[in-house]
Amino acid sequence: RRILLSASFFLFATSAALLSYLLLKGASDEVRM
């Protein structure tokens, strides 16, 4: 379970990066900041 929990951290960075790239790429600087 420890190893699975450690591996699960990949999901947080990957999901957030993809979502922020898709949602913020065309957003204003104020929204991104």
All heavy atoms as atom14 arrays in JSON, in Angstrom:
{
  "sequence": "RRILLSASFFLFATSAALLSYLLLKGASDEVRM",
  "atom14_mask": [
    [1, 1, 1, 1, 1, 1, 1, 1, 1, 1, 1, 0, 0, 0],
    [1, 1, 1, 1, 1, 1, 1, 1, 1, 1, 1, 0, 0, 0],
    [1, 1, 1, 1, 1, 1, 1, 1, 0, 0, 0, 0, 0, 0],
    [1, 1, 1, 1, 1, 1, 1, 1, 0, 0, 0, 0, 0, 0],
    [1, 1, 1, 1, 1, 1, 1, 1, 0, 0, 0, 0, 0, 0],
    [1, 1, 1, 1, 1, 1, 0, 0, 0, 0, 0, 0, 0, 0],
    [1, 1, 1, 1, 1, 0, 0, 0, 0, 0, 0, 0, 0, 0],
    [1, 1, 1, 1, 1, 1, 0, 0, 0, 0, 0, 0, 0, 0],
    [1, 1, 1, 1, 1, 1, 1, 1, 1, 1, 1, 0, 0, 0],
    [1, 1, 1, 1, 1, 1, 1, 1, 1, 1, 1, 0, 0, 0],
    [1, 1, 1, 1, 1, 1, 1, 1, 0, 0, 0, 0, 0, 0],
    [1, 1, 1, 1, 1, 1, 1, 1, 1, 1, 1, 0, 0, 0],
    [1, 1, 1, 1, 1, 0, 0, 0, 0, 0, 0, 0, 0, 0],
    [1, 1, 1, 1, 1, 1, 1, 0, 0, 0, 0, 0, 0, 0],
    [1, 1, 1, 1, 1, 1, 0, 0, 0, 0, 0, 0, 0, 0],
    [1, 1, 1, 1, 1, 0, 0, 0, 0, 0, 0, 0, 0, 0],
    [1, 1, 1, 1, 1, 0, 0, 0, 0, 0, 0, 0, 0, 0],
    [1, 1, 1, 1, 1, 1, 1, 1, 0, 0, 0, 0, 0, 0],
    [1, 1, 1, 1, 1, 1, 1, 1, 0, 0, 0, 0, 0, 0],
    [1, 1, 1, 1, 1, 1, 0, 0, 0, 0, 0, 0, 0, 0],
    [1, 1, 1, 1, 1, 1, 1, 1, 1, 1, 1, 1, 0, 0],
    [1, 1, 1, 1, 1, 1, 1, 1, 0, 0, 0, 0, 0, 0],
    [1, 1, 1, 1, 1, 1, 1, 1, 0, 0, 0, 0, 0, 0],
    [1, 1, 1, 1, 1, 1, 1, 1, 0, 0, 0, 0, 0, 0],
    [1, 1, 1, 1, 1, 1, 1, 1, 1, 0, 0, 0, 0, 0],
    [1, 1, 1, 1, 0, 0, 0, 0, 0, 0, 0, 0, 0, 0],
    [1, 1, 1, 1, 1, 0, 0, 0, 0, 0, 0, 0, 0, 0],
    [1, 1, 1, 1, 1, 1, 0, 0, 0, 0, 0, 0, 0, 0],
    [1, 1, 1, 1, 1, 1, 1, 1, 0, 0, 0, 0, 0, 0],
    [1, 1, 1, 1, 1, 1, 1, 1, 1, 0, 0, 0, 0, 0],
    [1, 1, 1, 1, 1, 1, 1, 0, 0, 0, 0, 0, 0, 0],
    [1, 1, 1, 1, 1, 1, 1, 1, 1, 1, 1, 0, 0, 0],
    [1, 1, 1, 1, 1, 1, 1, 1, 0, 0, 0, 0, 0, 0]
  ],
  "atom14_positions": [
    [[0.83, -1.2, 0.0], [0.0, 0.0, 0.0], [0.87, 1.25, 0.0], [0.53, 2.24, -0.66], [-0.92, -0.01, 1.22], [-2.0, 1.06, 1.18], [-2.9, 0.95, 2.38], [-3.96, 1.93, 2.35], [-4.8, 2.16, 3.36], [-4.72, 1.42, 4.47], [-5.73, 3.08, 3.26], [0.0, 0.0, 0.0], [0.0, 0.0, 0.0], [0.0, 0.0, 0.0]],
    [[1.98, 1.22, 0.7], [2.89, 2.38, 0.72], [3.39, 2.68, -0.68], [3.44, 3.83, -1.11], [4.07, 2.12, 1.65], [3.73, 2.01, 3.12], [4.96, 2.15, 4.0], [5.99, 1.17, 3.75], [6.17, 0.05, 4.46], [5.33, -0.24, 5.44], [7.18, -0.76, 4.19], [0.0, 0.0, 0.0], [0.0, 0.0, 0.0], [0.0, 0.0, 0.0]],
    [[3.81, 1.63, -1.4], [4.34, 1.83, -2.75], [3.25, 2.35, -3.69], [3.49, 3.25, -4.51], [4.95, 0.51, -3.28], [6.18, 0.15, -2.44], [5.33, 0.65, -4.75], [6.8, -1.19, -2.81], [0.0, 0.0, 0.0], [0.0, 0.0, 0.0], [0.0, 0.0, 0.0], [0.0, 0.0, 0.0], [0.0, 0.0, 0.0], [0.0, 0.0, 0.0]],
    [[2.04, 1.82, -3.57], [0.94, 2.28, -4.4], [0.6, 3.75, -4.11], [0.34, 4.53, -5.03], [-0.3, 1.4, -4.19], [-0.23, -0.01, -4.77], [-1.46, -0.81, -4.35], [-0.09, 0.03, -6.28], [0.0, 0.0, 0.0], [0.0, 0.0, 0.0], [0.0, 0.0, 0.0], [0.0, 0.0, 0.0], [0.0, 0.0, 0.0], [0.0, 0.0, 0.0]],
    [[0.62, 4.12, -2.83], [0.35, 5.51, -2.47], [1.43, 6.44, -3.02], [1.13, 7.53, -3.52], [0.26, 5.64, -0.95], [-1.0, 5.07, -0.29], [-0.86, 5.06, 1.22], [-2.23, 5.87, -0.7], [0.0, 0.0, 0.0], [0.0, 0.0, 0.0], [0.0, 0.0, 0.0], [0.0, 0.0, 0.0], [0.0, 0.0, 0.0], [0.0, 0.0, 0.0]],
    [[2.68, 6.0, -2.95], [3.77, 6.81, -3.49], [3.63, 6.96, -5.0], [3.83, 8.06, -5.54], [5.12, 6.16, -3.14], [6.2, 6.96, -3.58], [0.0, 0.0, 0.0], [0.0, 0.0, 0.0], [0.0, 0.0, 0.0], [0.0, 0.0, 0.0], [0.0, 0.0, 0.0], [0.0, 0.0, 0.0], [0.0, 0.0, 0.0], [0.0, 0.0, 0.0]],
    [[3.27, 5.88, -5.68], [3.11, 5.94, -7.13], [1.92, 6.82, -7.52], [1.91, 7.43, -8.6], [2.92, 4.53, -7.7], [0.0, 0.0, 0.0], [0.0, 0.0, 0.0], [0.0, 0.0, 0.0], [0.0, 0.0, 0.0], [0.0, 0.0, 0.0], [0.0, 0.0, 0.0], [0.0, 0.0, 0.0], [0.0, 0.0, 0.0], [0.0, 0.0, 0.0]],
    [[0.93, 6.91, -6.63], [-0.27, 7.69, -6.96], [0.03, 9.18, -7.12], [-0.76, 9.91, -7.73], [-1.34, 7.5, -5.88], [-0.98, 8.16, -4.66], [0.0, 0.0, 0.0], [0.0, 0.0, 0.0], [0.0, 0.0, 0.0], [0.0, 0.0, 0.0], [0.0, 0.0, 0.0], [0.0, 0.0, 0.0], [0.0, 0.0, 0.0], [0.0, 0.0, 0.0]],
    [[1.16, 9.65, -6.59], [1.48, 11.06, -6.7], [1.7, 11.5, -8.15], [1.59, 12.69, -8.46], [2.71, 11.41, -5.86], [2.44, 11.42, -4.37], [3.23, 10.7, -3.5], [1.39, 12.16, -3.85], [2.99, 10.71, -2.14], [1.14, 12.18, -2.49], [1.94, 11.45, -1.63], [0.0, 0.0, 0.0], [0.0, 0.0, 0.0], [0.0, 0.0, 0.0]],
    [[2.05, 10.54, -9.02], [2.19, 10.89, -10.44], [0.9, 11.52, -10.97], [0.93, 12.42, -11.81], [2.52, 9.65, -11.27], [3.96, 9.22, -11.22], [4.38, 8.24, -10.33], [4.89, 9.8, -12.06], [5.7, 7.85, -10.29], [6.22, 9.41, -12.03], [6.63, 8.43, -11.14], [0.0, 0.0, 0.0], [0.0, 0.0, 0.0], [0.0, 0.0, 0.0]],
    [[-0.23, 11.02, -10.5], [-1.52, 11.46, -11.04], [-1.78, 12.94, -10.77], [-2.37, 13.62, -11.61], [-2.65, 10.62, -10.43], [-2.6, 9.11, -10.73], [-3.71, 8.39, -9.97], [-2.73, 8.86, -12.22], [0.0, 0.0, 0.0], [0.0, 0.0, 0.0], [0.0, 0.0, 0.0], [0.0, 0.0, 0.0], [0.0, 0.0, 0.0], [0.0, 0.0, 0.0]],
    [[-1.36, 13.42, -9.6], [-1.66, 14.81, -9.23], [-0.94, 15.8, -10.14], [-1.55, 16.74, -10.66], [-1.29, 15.06, -7.76], [-2.12, 14.26, -6.8], [-1.62, 13.08, -6.24], [-3.4, 14.65, -6.45], [-2.38, 12.33, -5.36], [-4.17, 13.91, -5.57], [-3.66, 12.75, -5.02], [0.0, 0.0, 0.0], [0.0, 0.0, 0.0], [0.0, 0.0, 0.0]],
    [[0.37, 15.59, -10.32], [1.13, 16.52, -11.16], [0.69, 16.44, -12.61], [0.52, 17.48, -13.28], [2.63, 16.22, -11.05], [0.0, 0.0, 0.0], [0.0, 0.0, 0.0], [0.0, 0.0, 0.0], [0.0, 0.0, 0.0], [0.0, 0.0, 0.0], [0.0, 0.0, 0.0], [0.0, 0.0, 0.0], [0.0, 0.0, 0.0], [0.0, 0.0, 0.0]],
    [[0.48, 15.23, -13.1], [0.11, 15.07, -14.5], [-1.27, 15.67, -14.8], [-1.46, 16.41, -15.77], [0.11, 13.57, -14.88], [1.43, 13.05, -14.67], [-0.28, 13.38, -16.33], [0.0, 0.0, 0.0], [0.0, 0.0, 0.0], [0.0, 0.0, 0.0], [0.0, 0.0, 0.0], [0.0, 0.0, 0.0], [0.0, 0.0, 0.0], [0.0, 0.0, 0.0]],
    [[-2.24, 15.35, -13.93], [-3.6, 15.87, -14.15], [-3.63, 17.38, -14.09], [-4.25, 18.04, -14.93], [-4.56, 15.28, -13.1], [-4.6, 13.88, -13.18], [0.0, 0.0, 0.0], [0.0, 0.0, 0.0], [0.0, 0.0, 0.0], [0.0, 0.0, 0.0], [0.0, 0.0, 0.0], [0.0, 0.0, 0.0], [0.0, 0.0, 0.0], [0.0, 0.0, 0.0]],
    [[-2.95, 17.96, -13.07], [-2.96, 19.41, -12.92], [-2.25, 20.09, -14.08], [-2.68, 21.15, -14.55], [-2.3, 19.81, -11.6], [0.0, 0.0, 0.0], [0.0, 0.0, 0.0], [0.0, 0.0, 0.0], [0.0, 0.0, 0.0], [0.0, 0.0, 0.0], [0.0, 0.0, 0.0], [0.0, 0.0, 0.0], [0.0, 0.0, 0.0], [0.0, 0.0, 0.0]],
    [[-1.14, 19.5, -14.55], [-0.41, 20.1, -15.67], [-1.25, 20.13, -16.94], [-1.32, 21.14, -17.64], [0.89, 19.34, -15.91], [0.0, 0.0, 0.0], [0.0, 0.0, 0.0], [0.0, 0.0, 0.0], [0.0, 0.0, 0.0], [0.0, 0.0, 0.0], [0.0, 0.0, 0.0], [0.0, 0.0, 0.0], [0.0, 0.0, 0.0], [0.0, 0.0, 0.0]],
    [[-1.89, 19.01, -17.23], [-2.71, 18.94, -18.44], [-3.9, 19.9, -18.36], [-4.21, 20.61, -19.31], [-3.18, 17.51, -18.66], [-2.09, 16.49, -19.01], [-2.68, 15.09, -19.08], [-1.41, 16.85, -20.33], [0.0, 0.0, 0.0], [0.0, 0.0, 0.0], [0.0, 0.0, 0.0], [0.0, 0.0, 0.0], [0.0, 0.0, 0.0], [0.0, 0.0, 0.0]],
    [[-4.57, 19.9, -17.19], [-5.74, 20.76, -17.04], [-5.36, 22.24, -17.13], [-6.02, 23.03, -17.79], [-6.44, 20.47, -15.73], [-7.29, 19.19, -15.68], [-7.8, 18.94, -14.27], [-8.45, 19.28, -16.66], [0.0, 0.0, 0.0], [0.0, 0.0, 0.0], [0.0, 0.0, 0.0], [0.0, 0.0, 0.0], [0.0, 0.0, 0.0], [0.0, 0.0, 0.0]],
    [[-4.27, 22.6, -16.42], [-3.88, 24.02, -16.42], [-3.42, 24.45, -17.81], [-3.69, 25.58, -18.23], [-2.78, 24.26, -15.39], [-1.61, 23.53, -15.71], [0.0, 0.0, 0.0], [0.0, 0.0, 0.0], [0.0, 0.0, 0.0], [0.0, 0.0, 0.0], [0.0, 0.0, 0.0], [0.0, 0.0, 0.0], [0.0, 0.0, 0.0], [0.0, 0.0, 0.0]],
    [[-2.73, 23.57, -18.51], [-2.29, 23.91, -19.87], [-3.49, 24.15, -20.77], [-3.54, 25.13, -21.54], [-1.41, 22.8, -20.43], [-0.97, 23.03, -21.85], [0.03, 23.96, -22.14], [-1.55, 22.34, -22.91], [0.44, 24.18, -23.45], [-1.15, 22.56, -24.22], [-0.16, 23.47, -24.48], [0.23, 23.7, -25.77], [0.0, 0.0, 0.0], [0.0, 0.0, 0.0]],
    [[-4.47, 23.26, -20.68], [-5.64, 23.38, -21.55], [-6.52, 24.57, -21.18], [-7.06, 25.26, -22.05], [-6.46, 22.09, -21.49], [-5.78, 20.85, -22.1], [-6.62, 19.61, -21.81], [-5.56, 21.02, -23.59], [0.0, 0.0, 0.0], [0.0, 0.0, 0.0], [0.0, 0.0, 0.0], [0.0, 0.0, 0.0], [0.0, 0.0, 0.0], [0.0, 0.0, 0.0]],
    [[-6.66, 24.82, -19.86], [-7.58, 25.86, -19.4], [-6.94, 27.25, -19.36], [-7.62, 28.26, -19.55], [-8.11, 25.52, -18.01], [-8.98, 24.26, -17.92], [-9.37, 24.0, -16.46], [-10.23, 24.39, -18.79], [0.0, 0.0, 0.0], [0.0, 0.0, 0.0], [0.0, 0.0, 0.0], [0.0, 0.0, 0.0], [0.0, 0.0, 0.0], [0.0, 0.0, 0.0]],
    [[-5.63, 27.3, -19.1], [-4.98, 28.59, -18.89], [-4.2, 29.09, -20.09], [-3.76, 30.25, -20.09], [-4.05, 28.52, -17.68], [-4.7, 28.2, -16.33], [-3.64, 28.1, -15.25], [-5.74, 29.25, -15.98], [0.0, 0.0, 0.0], [0.0, 0.0, 0.0], [0.0, 0.0, 0.0], [0.0, 0.0, 0.0], [0.0, 0.0, 0.0], [0.0, 0.0, 0.0]],
    [[-4.02, 28.25, -21.1], [-3.2, 28.68, -22.24], [-3.75, 29.94, -22.88], [-3.02, 30.86, -23.23], [-3.11, 27.56, -23.27], [-2.19, 27.91, -24.43], [-2.06, 26.76, -25.41], [-1.11, 27.14, -26.55], [-0.98, 26.06, -27.55], [0.0, 0.0, 0.0], [0.0, 0.0, 0.0], [0.0, 0.0, 0.0], [0.0, 0.0, 0.0], [0.0, 0.0, 0.0]],
    [[-5.06, 30.0, -23.0], [-5.65, 31.18, -23.61], [-6.19, 32.19, -22.63], [-6.84, 33.17, -23.02], [0.0, 0.0, 0.0], [0.0, 0.0, 0.0], [0.0, 0.0, 0.0], [0.0, 0.0, 0.0], [0.0, 0.0, 0.0], [0.0, 0.0, 0.0], [0.0, 0.0, 0.0], [0.0, 0.0, 0.0], [0.0, 0.0, 0.0], [0.0, 0.0, 0.0]],
    [[-5.93, 31.98, -21.33], [-6.47, 32.87, -20.3], [-5.6, 34.12, -20.16], [-4.46, 34.17, -20.61], [-6.55, 32.15, -18.97], [0.0, 0.0, 0.0], [0.0, 0.0, 0.0], [0.0, 0.0, 0.0], [0.0, 0.0, 0.0], [0.0, 0.0, 0.0], [0.0, 0.0, 0.0], [0.0, 0.0, 0.0], [0.0, 0.0, 0.0], [0.0, 0.0, 0.0]],
    [[-6.15, 35.11, -19.49], [-5.4, 36.34, -19.24], [-4.33, 36.1, -18.18], [-4.39, 35.14, -17.41], [-6.35, 37.44, -18.76], [-6.89, 37.1, -17.49], [0.0, 0.0, 0.0], [0.0, 0.0, 0.0], [0.0, 0.0, 0.0], [0.0, 0.0, 0.0], [0.0, 0.0, 0.0], [0.0, 0.0, 0.0], [0.0, 0.0, 0.0], [0.0, 0.0, 0.0]],
    [[-3.35, 36.99, -18.15], [-2.3, 36.88, -17.15], [-2.88, 36.97, -15.74], [-2.39, 36.3, -14.82], [-1.27, 38.0, -17.34], [-0.39, 37.77, -18.55], [-0.36, 36.62, -19.05], [0.24, 38.73, -19.02], [0.0, 0.0, 0.0], [0.0, 0.0, 0.0], [0.0, 0.0, 0.0], [0.0, 0.0, 0.0], [0.0, 0.0, 0.0], [0.0, 0.0, 0.0]],
    [[-3.9, 37.78, -15.55], [-4.49, 37.95, -14.22], [-5.07, 36.63, -13.71], [-4.89, 36.27, -12.53], [-5.59, 39.01, -14.25], [-5.1, 40.43, -14.39], [-4.72, 40.78, -15.82], [-4.97, 39.94, -16.72], [-4.17, 41.87, -16.04], [0.0, 0.0, 0.0], [0.0, 0.0, 0.0], [0.0, 0.0, 0.0], [0.0, 0.0, 0.0], [0.0, 0.0, 0.0]],
    [[-5.74, 35.88, -14.57], [-6.33, 34.6, -14.16], [-5.24, 33.6, -13.8], [-5.31, 32.9, -12.79], [-7.22, 34.04, -15.29], [-7.66, 32.61, -14.98], [-8.43, 34.94, -15.48], [0.0, 0.0, 0.0], [0.0, 0.0, 0.0], [0.0, 0.0, 0.0], [0.0, 0.0, 0.0], [0.0, 0.0, 0.0], [0.0, 0.0, 0.0], [0.0, 0.0, 0.0]],
    [[-4.18, 33.54, -14.61], [-3.1, 32.59, -14.33], [-2.38, 32.94, -13.03], [-2.04, 32.05, -12.24], [-2.12, 32.58, -15.5], [-2.63, 31.79, -16.69], [-1.6, 31.68, -17.79], [-1.52, 32.91, -18.57], [-0.77, 33.06, -19.66], [-0.02, 32.06, -20.07], [-0.76, 34.18, -20.33], [0.0, 0.0, 0.0], [0.0, 0.0, 0.0], [0.0, 0.0, 0.0]],
    [[-2.15, 34.21, -12.8], [-1.45, 34.59, -11.58], [-2.33, 34.4, -10.33], [-1.83, 34.07, -9.26], [-0.98, 36.04, -11.67], [0.07, 36.28, -12.75], [1.51, 35.18, -12.62], [1.23, 34.09, -14.02], [0.0, 0.0, 0.0], [0.0, 0.0, 0.0], [0.0, 0.0, 0.0], [0.0, 0.0, 0.0], [0.0, 0.0, 0.0], [0.0, 0.0, 0.0]]
  ]
}
